[in-house]
């Protein structure tokens, strides 16, 4: 199972970015293998529109099953939901904290 976290960094100590579509990067964590990869999202950081939809499409194509973020807009949420991807909200400040909350089942599903 793969879960994507919105971030600006390159590891689990990086900060969690609160906006889904305009996050500079995504850390995609593979829970089955305990590994992760970083996906660049710079093209959407300053996009005039459609950033969330484009980011959602990218992540669904990568086989992501869940998203952990501070906020996901309604258009991106519809794309993710239609693909069966669950969206979780967190106030954690780091990816490590958000991952811990995800694993313990303490996150609210959108």
PDB file of N, CA and C in Angstrom:
ATOM      1  N   UNK A   1       0.846  -1.180   0.000  1.00  0.00           N
ATOM      2  CA  UNK A   1       0.000   0.000   0.000  1.00  0.00           C
ATOM      3  C   UNK A   1       0.890   1.241   0.000  1.00  0.00           C
ATOM      4  N   UNK A   2       0.521   2.218  -0.824  1.00  0.00           N
ATOM      5  CA  UNK A   2       1.295   3.456  -0.932  1.00  0.00           C
ATOM      6  C   UNK A   2       0.493   4.643  -0.421  1.00  0.00           C
ATOM      7  N   UNK A   3       1.158   5.472   0.390  1.00  0.00           N
ATOM      8  CA  UNK A   3       0.547   6.680   0.935  1.00  0.00           C
ATOM      9  C   UNK A   3       1.443   7.859   0.580  1.00  0.00           C
ATOM     10  N   UNK A   4       0.852   8.918   0.028  1.00  0.00           N
ATOM     11  CA  UNK A   4       1.610  10.109  -0.354  1.00  0.00           C
ATOM     12  C   UNK A   4       1.423  11.201   0.694  1.00  0.00           C
ATOM     13  N   UNK A   5       2.515  11.873   1.018  1.00  0.00           N
ATOM     14  CA  UNK A   5       2.516  12.981   1.968  1.00  0.00           C
ATOM     15  C   UNK A   5       2.964  14.247   1.244  1.00  0.00           C
ATOM     16  N   UNK A   6       2.318  15.360   1.512  1.00  0.00           N
ATOM     17  CA  UNK A   6       2.697  16.631   0.899  1.00  0.00           C
ATOM     18  C   UNK A   6       3.871  17.227   1.661  1.00  0.00           C
ATOM     19  N   UNK A   7       4.918  17.643   0.921  1.00  0.00           N
ATOM     20  CA  UNK A   7       6.130  18.111   1.589  1.00  0.00           C
ATOM     21  C   UNK A   7       6.923  19.080   0.707  1.00  0.00           C
ATOM     22  N   UNK A   8       7.955  19.625   1.296  1.00  0.00           N
ATOM     23  CA  UNK A   8       8.933  20.421   0.554  1.00  0.00           C
ATOM     24  C   UNK A   8      10.323  19.805   0.689  1.00  0.00           C
ATOM     25  N   UNK A   9      10.413  18.692   1.405  1.00  0.00           N
ATOM     26  CA  UNK A   9      11.707  18.079   1.684  1.00  0.00           C
ATOM     27  C   UNK A   9      11.913  16.750   1.005  1.00  0.00           C
ATOM     28  N   UNK A  10      12.976  16.058   1.452  1.00  0.00           N
ATOM     29  CA  UNK A  10      13.379  14.816   0.796  1.00  0.00           C
ATOM     30  C   UNK A  10      13.448  13.597   1.707  1.00  0.00           C
ATOM     31  N   UNK A  11      12.996  13.725   2.959  1.00  0.00           N
ATOM     32  CA  UNK A  11      13.036  12.576   3.864  1.00  0.00           C
ATOM     33  C   UNK A  11      11.931  12.711   4.906  1.00  0.00           C
ATOM     34  N   UNK A  12      11.860  11.750   5.826  1.00  0.00           N
ATOM     35  CA  UNK A  12      10.780  11.741   6.816  1.00  0.00           C
ATOM     36  C   UNK A  12      10.895  12.845   7.862  1.00  0.00           C
ATOM     37  N   UNK A  13      12.042  13.512   7.953  1.00  0.00           N
ATOM     38  CA  UNK A  13      12.191  14.627   8.881  1.00  0.00           C
ATOM     39  C   UNK A  13      11.739  15.947   8.269  1.00  0.00           C
ATOM     40  N   UNK A  14      11.335  15.918   7.022  1.00  0.00           N
ATOM     41  CA  UNK A  14      10.920  17.115   6.301  1.00  0.00           C
ATOM     42  C   UNK A  14       9.570  17.614   6.820  1.00  0.00           C
ATOM     43  N   UNK A  15       9.283  18.887   6.587  1.00  0.00           N
ATOM     44  CA  UNK A  15       7.997  19.428   7.018  1.00  0.00           C
ATOM     45  C   UNK A  15       6.848  18.933   6.142  1.00  0.00           C
ATOM     46  N   UNK A  16       5.687  18.813   6.748  1.00  0.00           N
ATOM     47  CA  UNK A  16       4.473  18.521   6.005  1.00  0.00           C
ATOM     48  C   UNK A  16       3.949  19.848   5.467  1.00  0.00           C
ATOM     49  N   UNK A  17       3.660  19.907   4.180  1.00  0.00           N
ATOM     50  CA  UNK A  17       3.094  21.095   3.556  1.00  0.00           C
ATOM     51  C   UNK A  17       1.578  20.960   3.608  1.00  0.00           C
ATOM     52  N   UNK A  18       0.897  22.028   3.984  1.00  0.00           N
ATOM     53  CA  UNK A  18      -0.539  21.920   4.228  1.00  0.00           C
ATOM     54  C   UNK A  18      -1.397  21.861   2.970  1.00  0.00           C
ATOM     55  N   UNK A  19      -0.959  22.399   1.847  1.00  0.00           N
ATOM     56  CA  UNK A  19      -1.776  22.391   0.631  1.00  0.00           C
ATOM     57  C   UNK A  19      -1.413  21.230  -0.273  1.00  0.00           C
ATOM     58  N   UNK A  20      -2.412  20.484  -0.698  1.00  0.00           N
ATOM     59  CA  UNK A  20      -2.174  19.309  -1.520  1.00  0.00           C
ATOM     60  C   UNK A  20      -1.632  19.655  -2.907  1.00  0.00           C
ATOM     61  N   UNK A  21      -2.406  20.326  -3.721  1.00  0.00           N
ATOM     62  CA  UNK A  21      -2.057  20.535  -5.116  1.00  0.00           C
ATOM     63  C   UNK A  21      -0.821  21.379  -5.351  1.00  0.00           C
ATOM     64  N   UNK A  22      -0.522  22.281  -4.434  1.00  0.00           N
ATOM     65  CA  UNK A  22       0.615  23.183  -4.602  1.00  0.00           C
ATOM     66  C   UNK A  22       1.818  22.813  -3.735  1.00  0.00           C
ATOM     67  N   UNK A  23       1.806  21.619  -3.199  1.00  0.00           N
ATOM     68  CA  UNK A  23       2.976  21.139  -2.460  1.00  0.00           C
ATOM     69  C   UNK A  23       4.137  20.986  -3.440  1.00  0.00           C
ATOM     70  N   UNK A  24       5.328  21.422  -3.079  1.00  0.00           N
ATOM     71  CA  UNK A  24       6.466  21.304  -3.993  1.00  0.00           C
ATOM     72  C   UNK A  24       6.844  19.859  -4.331  1.00  0.00           C
ATOM     73  N   UNK A  25       6.594  18.948  -3.380  1.00  0.00           N
ATOM     74  CA  UNK A  25       6.959  17.549  -3.570  1.00  0.00           C
ATOM     75  C   UNK A  25       5.960  16.646  -2.862  1.00  0.00           C
ATOM     76  N   UNK A  26       6.009  15.387  -3.230  1.00  0.00           N
ATOM     77  CA  UNK A  26       5.260  14.342  -2.530  1.00  0.00           C
ATOM     78  C   UNK A  26       6.242  13.258  -2.119  1.00  0.00           C
ATOM     79  N   UNK A  27       6.141  12.832  -0.891  1.00  0.00           N
ATOM     80  CA  UNK A  27       6.888  11.666  -0.443  1.00  0.00           C
ATOM     81  C   UNK A  27       5.892  10.515  -0.493  1.00  0.00           C
ATOM     82  N   UNK A  28       6.150   9.543  -1.358  1.00  0.00           N
ATOM     83  CA  UNK A  28       5.264   8.391  -1.511  1.00  0.00           C
ATOM     84  C   UNK A  28       5.882   7.242  -0.727  1.00  0.00           C
ATOM     85  N   UNK A  29       5.202   6.881   0.354  1.00  0.00           N
ATOM     86  CA  UNK A  29       5.707   5.861   1.275  1.00  0.00           C
ATOM     87  C   UNK A  29       5.035   4.530   0.975  1.00  0.00           C
ATOM     88  N   UNK A  30       5.844   3.493   0.759  1.00  0.00           N
ATOM     89  CA  UNK A  30       5.337   2.154   0.535  1.00  0.00           C
ATOM     90  C   UNK A  30       5.317   1.442   1.886  1.00  0.00           C
ATOM     91  N   UNK A  31       4.137   1.261   2.436  1.00  0.00           N
ATOM     92  CA  UNK A  31       3.987   0.653   3.762  1.00  0.00           C
ATOM     93  C   UNK A  31       4.392  -0.819   3.780  1.00  0.00           C
ATOM     94  N   UNK A  32       4.237  -1.507   2.666  1.00  0.00           N
ATOM     95  CA  UNK A  32       4.570  -2.926   2.599  1.00  0.00           C
ATOM     96  C   UNK A  32       6.076  -3.165   2.608  1.00  0.00           C
ATOM     97  N   UNK A  33       6.818  -2.271   1.966  1.00  0.00           N
ATOM     98  CA  UNK A  33       8.268  -2.433   1.849  1.00  0.00           C
ATOM     99  C   UNK A  33       9.066  -1.510   2.759  1.00  0.00           C
ATOM    100  N   UNK A  34       8.384  -0.582   3.444  1.00  0.00           N
ATOM    101  CA  UNK A  34       9.047   0.388   4.318  1.00  0.00           C
ATOM    102  C   UNK A  34      10.080   1.225   3.553  1.00  0.00           C
ATOM    103  N   UNK A  35       9.696   1.640   2.352  1.00  0.00           N
ATOM    104  CA  UNK A  35      10.559   2.465   1.510  1.00  0.00           C
ATOM    105  C   UNK A  35       9.760   3.676   1.032  1.00  0.00           C
ATOM    106  N   UNK A  36      10.457   4.657   0.474  1.00  0.00           N
ATOM    107  CA  UNK A  36       9.752   5.808  -0.082  1.00  0.00           C
ATOM    108  C   UNK A  36      10.478   6.358  -1.289  1.00  0.00           C
ATOM    109  N   UNK A  37       9.734   7.127  -2.081  1.00  0.00           N
ATOM    110  CA  UNK A  37      10.304   7.855  -3.212  1.00  0.00           C
ATOM    111  C   UNK A  37       9.771   9.280  -3.161  1.00  0.00           C
ATOM    112  N   UNK A  38      10.521  10.200  -3.726  1.00  0.00           N
ATOM    113  CA  UNK A  38      10.132  11.604  -3.786  1.00  0.00           C
ATOM    114  C   UNK A  38       9.677  11.928  -5.198  1.00  0.00           C
ATOM    115  N   UNK A  39       8.495  12.535  -5.302  1.00  0.00           N
ATOM    116  CA  UNK A  39       7.981  12.981  -6.595  1.00  0.00           C
ATOM    117  C   UNK A  39       7.965  14.500  -6.622  1.00  0.00           C
ATOM    118  N   UNK A  40       8.496  15.073  -7.674  1.00  0.00           N
ATOM    119  CA  UNK A  40       8.527  16.518  -7.824  1.00  0.00           C
ATOM    120  C   UNK A  40       7.164  17.025  -8.298  1.00  0.00           C
ATOM    121  N   UNK A  41       6.699  18.133  -7.733  1.00  0.00           N
ATOM    122  CA  UNK A  41       5.432  18.745  -8.112  1.00  0.00           C
ATOM    123  C   UNK A  41       5.621  20.234  -8.399  1.00  0.00           C
ATOM    124  N   UNK A  42       6.833  20.659  -8.728  1.00  0.00           N
ATOM    125  CA  UNK A  42       7.137  22.073  -8.947  1.00  0.00           C
ATOM    126  C   UNK A  42       6.270  22.699 -10.032  1.00  0.00           C
ATOM    127  N   UNK A  43       5.884  21.931 -11.026  1.00  0.00           N
ATOM    128  CA  UNK A  43       5.085  22.494 -12.119  1.00  0.00           C
ATOM    129  C   UNK A  43       3.742  23.025 -11.628  1.00  0.00           C
ATOM    130  N   UNK A  44       3.275  22.527 -10.480  1.00  0.00           N
ATOM    131  CA  UNK A  44       1.975  22.956  -9.962  1.00  0.00           C
ATOM    132  C   UNK A  44       2.055  24.007  -8.864  1.00  0.00           C
ATOM    133  N   UNK A  45       3.245  24.303  -8.374  1.00  0.00           N
ATOM    134  CA  UNK A  45       3.381  25.256  -7.272  1.00  0.00           C
ATOM    135  C   UNK A  45       2.808  26.621  -7.653  1.00  0.00           C
ATOM    136  N   UNK A  46       3.089  27.090  -8.852  1.00  0.00           N
ATOM    137  CA  UNK A  46       2.619  28.398  -9.290  1.00  0.00           C
ATOM    138  C   UNK A  46       1.626  28.316 -10.445  1.00  0.00           C
ATOM    139  N   UNK A  47       1.019  27.168 -10.625  1.00  0.00           N
ATOM    140  CA  UNK A  47       0.050  27.008 -11.713  1.00  0.00           C
ATOM    141  C   UNK A  47      -1.136  27.940 -11.509  1.00  0.00           C
ATOM    142  N   UNK A  48      -1.620  28.512 -12.601  1.00  0.00           N
ATOM    143  CA  UNK A  48      -2.764  29.425 -12.521  1.00  0.00           C
ATOM    144  C   UNK A  48      -4.017  28.702 -12.048  1.00  0.00           C
ATOM    145  N   UNK A  49      -4.187  27.466 -12.501  1.00  0.00           N
ATOM    146  CA  UNK A  49      -5.331  26.657 -12.079  1.00  0.00           C
ATOM    147  C   UNK A  49      -5.079  25.201 -12.411  1.00  0.00           C
ATOM    148  N   UNK A  50      -5.850  24.327 -11.794  1.00  0.00           N
ATOM    149  CA  UNK A  50      -5.741  22.897 -12.082  1.00  0.00           C
ATOM    150  C   UNK A  50      -4.621  22.175 -11.368  1.00  0.00           C
ATOM    151  N   UNK A  51      -3.966  22.833 -10.400  1.00  0.00           N
ATOM    152  CA  UNK A  51      -2.829  22.213  -9.705  1.00  0.00           C
ATOM    153  C   UNK A  51      -3.252  20.942  -8.965  1.00  0.00           C
ATOM    154  N   UNK A  52      -4.353  21.004  -8.269  1.00  0.00           N
ATOM    155  CA  UNK A  52      -4.807  19.846  -7.496  1.00  0.00           C
ATOM    156  C   UNK A  52      -5.213  18.678  -8.371  1.00  0.00           C
ATOM    157  N   UNK A  53      -5.900  18.975  -9.465  1.00  0.00           N
ATOM    158  CA  UNK A  53      -6.336  17.928 -10.378  1.00  0.00           C
ATOM    159  C   UNK A  53      -5.124  17.248 -11.007  1.00  0.00           C
ATOM    160  N   UNK A  54      -4.145  18.039 -11.429  1.00  0.00           N
ATOM    161  CA  UNK A  54      -2.940  17.471 -12.036  1.00  0.00           C
ATOM    162  C   UNK A  54      -2.160  16.624 -11.025  1.00  0.00           C
ATOM    163  N   UNK A  55      -2.014  17.143  -9.804  1.00  0.00           N
ATOM    164  CA  UNK A  55      -1.302  16.389  -8.766  1.00  0.00           C
ATOM    165  C   UNK A  55      -2.038  15.083  -8.449  1.00  0.00           C
ATOM    166  N   UNK A  56      -3.365  15.146  -8.377  1.00  0.00           N
ATOM    167  CA  UNK A  56      -4.160  13.950  -8.092  1.00  0.00           C
ATOM    168  C   UNK A  56      -3.980  12.906  -9.192  1.00  0.00           C
ATOM    169  N   UNK A  57      -3.976  13.355 -10.436  1.00  0.00           N
ATOM    170  CA  UNK A  57      -3.784  12.435 -11.556  1.00  0.00           C
ATOM    171  C   UNK A  57      -2.410  11.768 -11.510  1.00  0.00           C
ATOM    172  N   UNK A  58      -1.390  12.559 -11.212  1.00  0.00           N
ATOM    173  CA  UNK A  58      -0.030  12.021 -11.113  1.00  0.00           C
ATOM    174  C   UNK A  58       0.049  10.933 -10.055  1.00  0.00           C
ATOM    175  N   UNK A  59      -0.527  11.186  -8.896  1.00  0.00           N
ATOM    176  CA  UNK A  59      -0.436  10.221  -7.801  1.00  0.00           C
ATOM    177  C   UNK A  59      -1.272   8.975  -8.049  1.00  0.00           C
ATOM    178  N   UNK A  60      -2.431   9.124  -8.668  1.00  0.00           N
ATOM    179  CA  UNK A  60      -3.240   7.936  -8.955  1.00  0.00           C
ATOM    180  C   UNK A  60      -2.538   7.054  -9.985  1.00  0.00           C
ATOM    181  N   UNK A  61      -1.845   7.672 -10.945  1.00  0.00           N
ATOM    182  CA  UNK A  61      -1.093   6.898 -11.937  1.00  0.00           C
ATOM    183  C   UNK A  61       0.067   6.137 -11.294  1.00  0.00           C
ATOM    184  N   UNK A  62       0.553   6.619 -10.150  1.00  0.00           N
ATOM    185  CA  UNK A  62       1.650   5.958  -9.428  1.00  0.00           C
ATOM    186  C   UNK A  62       1.145   4.876  -8.485  1.00  0.00           C
ATOM    187  N   UNK A  63      -0.170   4.667  -8.442  1.00  0.00           N
ATOM    188  CA  UNK A  63      -0.727   3.610  -7.604  1.00  0.00           C
ATOM    189  C   UNK A  63      -0.870   3.966  -6.140  1.00  0.00           C
ATOM    190  N   UNK A  64      -0.981   5.252  -5.833  1.00  0.00           N
ATOM    191  CA  UNK A  64      -1.140   5.701  -4.445  1.00  0.00           C
ATOM    192  C   UNK A  64      -2.541   5.352  -3.956  1.00  0.00           C
ATOM    193  N   UNK A  65      -2.625   4.826  -2.724  1.00  0.00           N
ATOM    194  CA  UNK A  65      -3.898   4.434  -2.131  1.00  0.00           C
ATOM    195  C   UNK A  65      -4.446   5.470  -1.159  1.00  0.00           C
ATOM    196  N   UNK A  66      -3.568   6.352  -0.654  1.00  0.00           N
ATOM    197  CA  UNK A  66      -3.977   7.358   0.323  1.00  0.00           C
ATOM    198  C   UNK A  66      -3.114   8.599   0.212  1.00  0.00           C
ATOM    199  N   UNK A  67      -3.686   9.733   0.622  1.00  0.00           N
ATOM    200  CA  UNK A  67      -2.993  11.018   0.649  1.00  0.00           C
ATOM    201  C   UNK A  67      -3.093  11.558   2.067  1.00  0.00           C
ATOM    202  N   UNK A  68      -1.978  12.055   2.607  1.00  0.00           N
ATOM    203  CA  UNK A  68      -1.986  12.711   3.915  1.00  0.00           C
ATOM    204  C   UNK A  68      -1.526  14.141   3.700  1.00  0.00           C
ATOM    205  N   UNK A  69      -2.377  15.088   4.077  1.00  0.00           N
ATOM    206  CA  UNK A  69      -2.114  16.502   3.840  1.00  0.00           C
ATOM    207  C   UNK A  69      -2.872  17.342   4.862  1.00  0.00           C
ATOM    208  N   UNK A  70      -2.684  18.640   4.771  1.00  0.00           N
ATOM    209  CA  UNK A  70      -3.433  19.549   5.633  1.00  0.00           C
ATOM    210  C   UNK A  70      -4.758  19.954   5.018  1.00  0.00           C
ATOM    211  N   UNK A  71      -4.781  20.055   3.676  1.00  0.00           N
ATOM    212  CA  UNK A  71      -6.002  20.452   2.977  1.00  0.00           C
ATOM    213  C   UNK A  71      -5.949  19.977   1.529  1.00  0.00           C
ATOM    214  N   UNK A  72      -7.084  19.493   1.048  1.00  0.00           N
ATOM    215  CA  UNK A  72      -7.238  19.071  -0.347  1.00  0.00           C
ATOM    216  C   UNK A  72      -8.484  19.751  -0.892  1.00  0.00           C
ATOM    217  N   UNK A  73      -8.343  20.484  -1.987  1.00  0.00           N
ATOM    218  CA  UNK A  73      -9.475  21.188  -2.587  1.00  0.00           C
ATOM    219  C   UNK A  73     -10.515  20.236  -3.155  1.00  0.00           C
ATOM    220  N   UNK A  74     -11.721  20.756  -3.394  1.00  0.00           N
ATOM    221  CA  UNK A  74     -12.826  19.893  -3.834  1.00  0.00           C
ATOM    222  C   UNK A  74     -12.618  19.232  -5.198  1.00  0.00           C
ATOM    223  N   UNK A  75     -11.988  19.921  -6.141  1.00  0.00           N
ATOM    224  CA  UNK A  75     -11.778  19.316  -7.463  1.00  0.00           C
ATOM    225  C   UNK A  75     -10.780  18.170  -7.391  1.00  0.00           C
ATOM    226  N   UNK A  76      -9.685  18.387  -6.690  1.00  0.00           N
ATOM    227  CA  UNK A  76      -8.702  17.316  -6.516  1.00  0.00           C
ATOM    228  C   UNK A  76      -9.309  16.166  -5.729  1.00  0.00           C
ATOM    229  N   UNK A  77     -10.104  16.490  -4.714  1.00  0.00           N
ATOM    230  CA  UNK A  77     -10.746  15.451  -3.910  1.00  0.00           C
ATOM    231  C   UNK A  77     -11.645  14.566  -4.780  1.00  0.00           C
ATOM    232  N   UNK A  78     -12.379  15.169  -5.694  1.00  0.00           N
ATOM    233  CA  UNK A  78     -13.262  14.383  -6.579  1.00  0.00           C
ATOM    234  C   UNK A  78     -12.453  13.412  -7.445  1.00  0.00           C
ATOM    235  N   UNK A  79     -11.322  13.875  -7.971  1.00  0.00           N
ATOM    236  CA  UNK A  79     -10.467  13.011  -8.790  1.00  0.00           C
ATOM    237  C   UNK A  79      -9.939  11.851  -7.953  1.00  0.00           C
ATOM    238  N   UNK A  80      -9.447  12.167  -6.760  1.00  0.00           N
ATOM    239  CA  UNK A  80      -8.901  11.130  -5.879  1.00  0.00           C
ATOM    240  C   UNK A  80      -9.979  10.139  -5.454  1.00  0.00           C
ATOM    241  N   UNK A  81     -11.122  10.663  -5.064  1.00  0.00           N
ATOM    242  CA  UNK A  81     -12.222   9.819  -4.606  1.00  0.00           C
ATOM    243  C   UNK A  81     -12.701   8.885  -5.722  1.00  0.00           C
ATOM    244  N   UNK A  82     -12.807   9.400  -6.937  1.00  0.00           N
ATOM    245  CA  UNK A  82     -13.245   8.585  -8.076  1.00  0.00           C
ATOM    246  C   UNK A  82     -12.261   7.443  -8.348  1.00  0.00           C
ATOM    247  N   UNK A  83     -10.993   7.669  -8.018  1.00  0.00           N
ATOM    248  CA  UNK A  83      -9.954   6.647  -8.221  1.00  0.00           C
ATOM    249  C   UNK A  83      -9.825   5.716  -7.012  1.00  0.00           C
ATOM    250  N   UNK A  84     -10.629   5.947  -5.974  1.00  0.00           N
ATOM    251  CA  UNK A  84     -10.580   5.094  -4.786  1.00  0.00           C
ATOM    252  C   UNK A  84      -9.461   5.460  -3.818  1.00  0.00           C
ATOM    253  N   UNK A  85      -8.883   6.646  -3.982  1.00  0.00           N
ATOM    254  CA  UNK A  85      -7.804   7.101  -3.097  1.00  0.00           C
ATOM    255  C   UNK A  85      -8.418   7.846  -1.917  1.00  0.00           C
ATOM    256  N   UNK A  86      -8.054   7.445  -0.715  1.00  0.00           N
ATOM    257  CA  UNK A  86      -8.566   8.096   0.492  1.00  0.00           C
ATOM    258  C   UNK A  86      -7.688   9.289   0.844  1.00  0.00           C
ATOM    259  N   UNK A  87      -8.331  10.344   1.328  1.00  0.00           N
ATOM    260  CA  UNK A  87      -7.627  11.561   1.726  1.00  0.00           C
ATOM    261  C   UNK A  87      -7.749  11.706   3.232  1.00  0.00           C
ATOM    262  N   UNK A  88      -6.604  11.939   3.886  1.00  0.00           N
ATOM    263  CA  UNK A  88      -6.563  12.100   5.338  1.00  0.00           C
ATOM    264  C   UNK A  88      -5.972  13.463   5.678  1.00  0.00           C
ATOM    265  N   UNK A  89      -6.554  14.094   6.678  1.00  0.00           N
ATOM    266  CA  UNK A  89      -6.062  15.396   7.129  1.00  0.00           C
ATOM    267  C   UNK A  89      -5.275  15.254   8.420  1.00  0.00           C
ATOM    268  N   UNK A  90      -4.228  16.061   8.539  1.00  0.00           N
ATOM    269  CA  UNK A  90      -3.404  16.048   9.740  1.00  0.00           C
ATOM    270  C   UNK A  90      -2.873  17.441  10.027  1.00  0.00           C
ATOM    271  N   UNK A  91      -2.570  17.675  11.287  1.00  0.00           N
ATOM    272  CA  UNK A  91      -1.908  18.914  11.711  1.00  0.00           C
ATOM    273  C   UNK A  91      -0.462  18.642  12.091  1.00  0.00           C
ATOM    274  N   UNK A  92       0.028  17.446  11.807  1.00  0.00           N
ATOM    275  CA  UNK A  92       1.427  17.111  12.114  1.00  0.00           C
ATOM    276  C   UNK A  92       2.341  18.078  11.365  1.00  0.00           C
ATOM    277  N   UNK A  93       3.465  18.382  11.959  1.00  0.00           N
ATOM    278  CA  UNK A  93       4.387  19.335  11.332  1.00  0.00           C
ATOM    279  C   UNK A  93       5.469  18.647  10.499  1.00  0.00           C
ATOM    280  N   UNK A  94       5.722  17.369  10.763  1.00  0.00           N
ATOM    281  CA  UNK A  94       6.730  16.633   9.991  1.00  0.00           C
ATOM    282  C   UNK A  94       6.097  15.391   9.359  1.00  0.00           C
ATOM    283  N   UNK A  95       6.762  14.874   8.361  1.00  0.00           N
ATOM    284  CA  UNK A  95       6.281  13.658   7.720  1.00  0.00           C
ATOM    285  C   UNK A  95       6.338  12.474   8.675  1.00  0.00           C
ATOM    286  N   UNK A  96       7.371  12.422   9.498  1.00  0.00           N
ATOM    287  CA  UNK A  96       7.483  11.328  10.471  1.00  0.00           C
ATOM    288  C   UNK A  96       6.287  11.335  11.416  1.00  0.00           C
ATOM    289  N   UNK A  97       5.896  12.508  11.881  1.00  0.00           N
ATOM    290  CA  UNK A  97       4.731  12.621  12.758  1.00  0.00           C
ATOM    291  C   UNK A  97       3.449  12.226  12.056  1.00  0.00           C
ATOM    292  N   UNK A  98       3.296  12.672  10.805  1.00  0.00           N
ATOM    293  CA  UNK A  98       2.106  12.336  10.028  1.00  0.00           C
ATOM    294  C   UNK A  98       2.034  10.832   9.760  1.00  0.00           C
ATOM    295  N   UNK A  99       3.183  10.221   9.449  1.00  0.00           N
ATOM    296  CA  UNK A  99       3.225   8.773   9.218  1.00  0.00           C
ATOM    297  C   UNK A  99       2.855   8.016  10.489  1.00  0.00           C
ATOM    298  N   UNK A 100       3.360   8.477  11.616  1.00  0.00           N
ATOM    299  CA  UNK A 100       3.037   7.844  12.910  1.00  0.00           C
ATOM    300  C   UNK A 100       1.531   7.912  13.168  1.00  0.00           C
ATOM    301  N   UNK A 101       0.934   9.074  12.932  1.00  0.00           N
ATOM    302  CA  UNK A 101      -0.513   9.227  13.135  1.00  0.00           C
ATOM    303  C   UNK A 101      -1.303   8.365  12.152  1.00  0.00           C
ATOM    304  N   UNK A 102      -0.823   8.265  10.919  1.00  0.00           N
ATOM    305  CA  UNK A 102      -1.494   7.425   9.925  1.00  0.00           C
ATOM    306  C   UNK A 102      -1.472   5.963  10.368  1.00  0.00           C
ATOM    307  N   UNK A 103      -0.304   5.492  10.738  1.00  0.00           N
ATOM    308  CA  UNK A 103      -0.178   4.083  11.147  1.00  0.00           C
ATOM    309  C   UNK A 103      -1.014   3.752  12.374  1.00  0.00           C
ATOM    310  N   UNK A 104      -1.186   4.722  13.272  1.00  0.00           N
ATOM    311  CA  UNK A 104      -1.963   4.468  14.490  1.00  0.00           C
ATOM    312  C   UNK A 104      -3.470   4.662  14.281  1.00  0.00           C
ATOM    313  N   UNK A 105      -3.857   5.086  13.074  1.00  0.00           N
ATOM    314  CA  UNK A 105      -5.282   5.267  12.784  1.00  0.00           C
ATOM    315  C   UNK A 105      -5.865   6.530  13.384  1.00  0.00           C
ATOM    316  N   UNK A 106      -5.036   7.505  13.708  1.00  0.00           N
ATOM    317  CA  UNK A 106      -5.501   8.733  14.365  1.00  0.00           C
ATOM    318  C   UNK A 106      -5.864   9.866  13.417  1.00  0.00           C
ATOM    319  N   UNK A 107      -5.788   9.630  12.107  1.00  0.00           N
ATOM    320  CA  UNK A 107      -6.081  10.703  11.156  1.00  0.00           C
ATOM    321  C   UNK A 107      -7.553  10.704  10.748  1.00  0.00           C
ATOM    322  N   UNK A 108      -8.068  11.890  10.492  1.00  0.00           N
ATOM    323  CA  UNK A 108      -9.453  12.034  10.031  1.00  0.00           C
ATOM    324  C   UNK A 108      -9.508  11.873   8.522  1.00  0.00           C
ATOM    325  N   UNK A 109     -10.415  11.030   8.069  1.00  0.00           N
ATOM    326  CA  UNK A 109     -10.591  10.870   6.629  1.00  0.00           C
ATOM    327  C   UNK A 109     -11.515  11.976   6.124  1.00  0.00           C
ATOM    328  N   UNK A 110     -11.162  12.547   4.988  1.00  0.00           N
ATOM    329  CA  UNK A 110     -11.977  13.629   4.405  1.00  0.00           C
ATOM    330  C   UNK A 110     -13.311  13.099   3.935  1.00  0.00           C
TER     331      UNK A 110
END
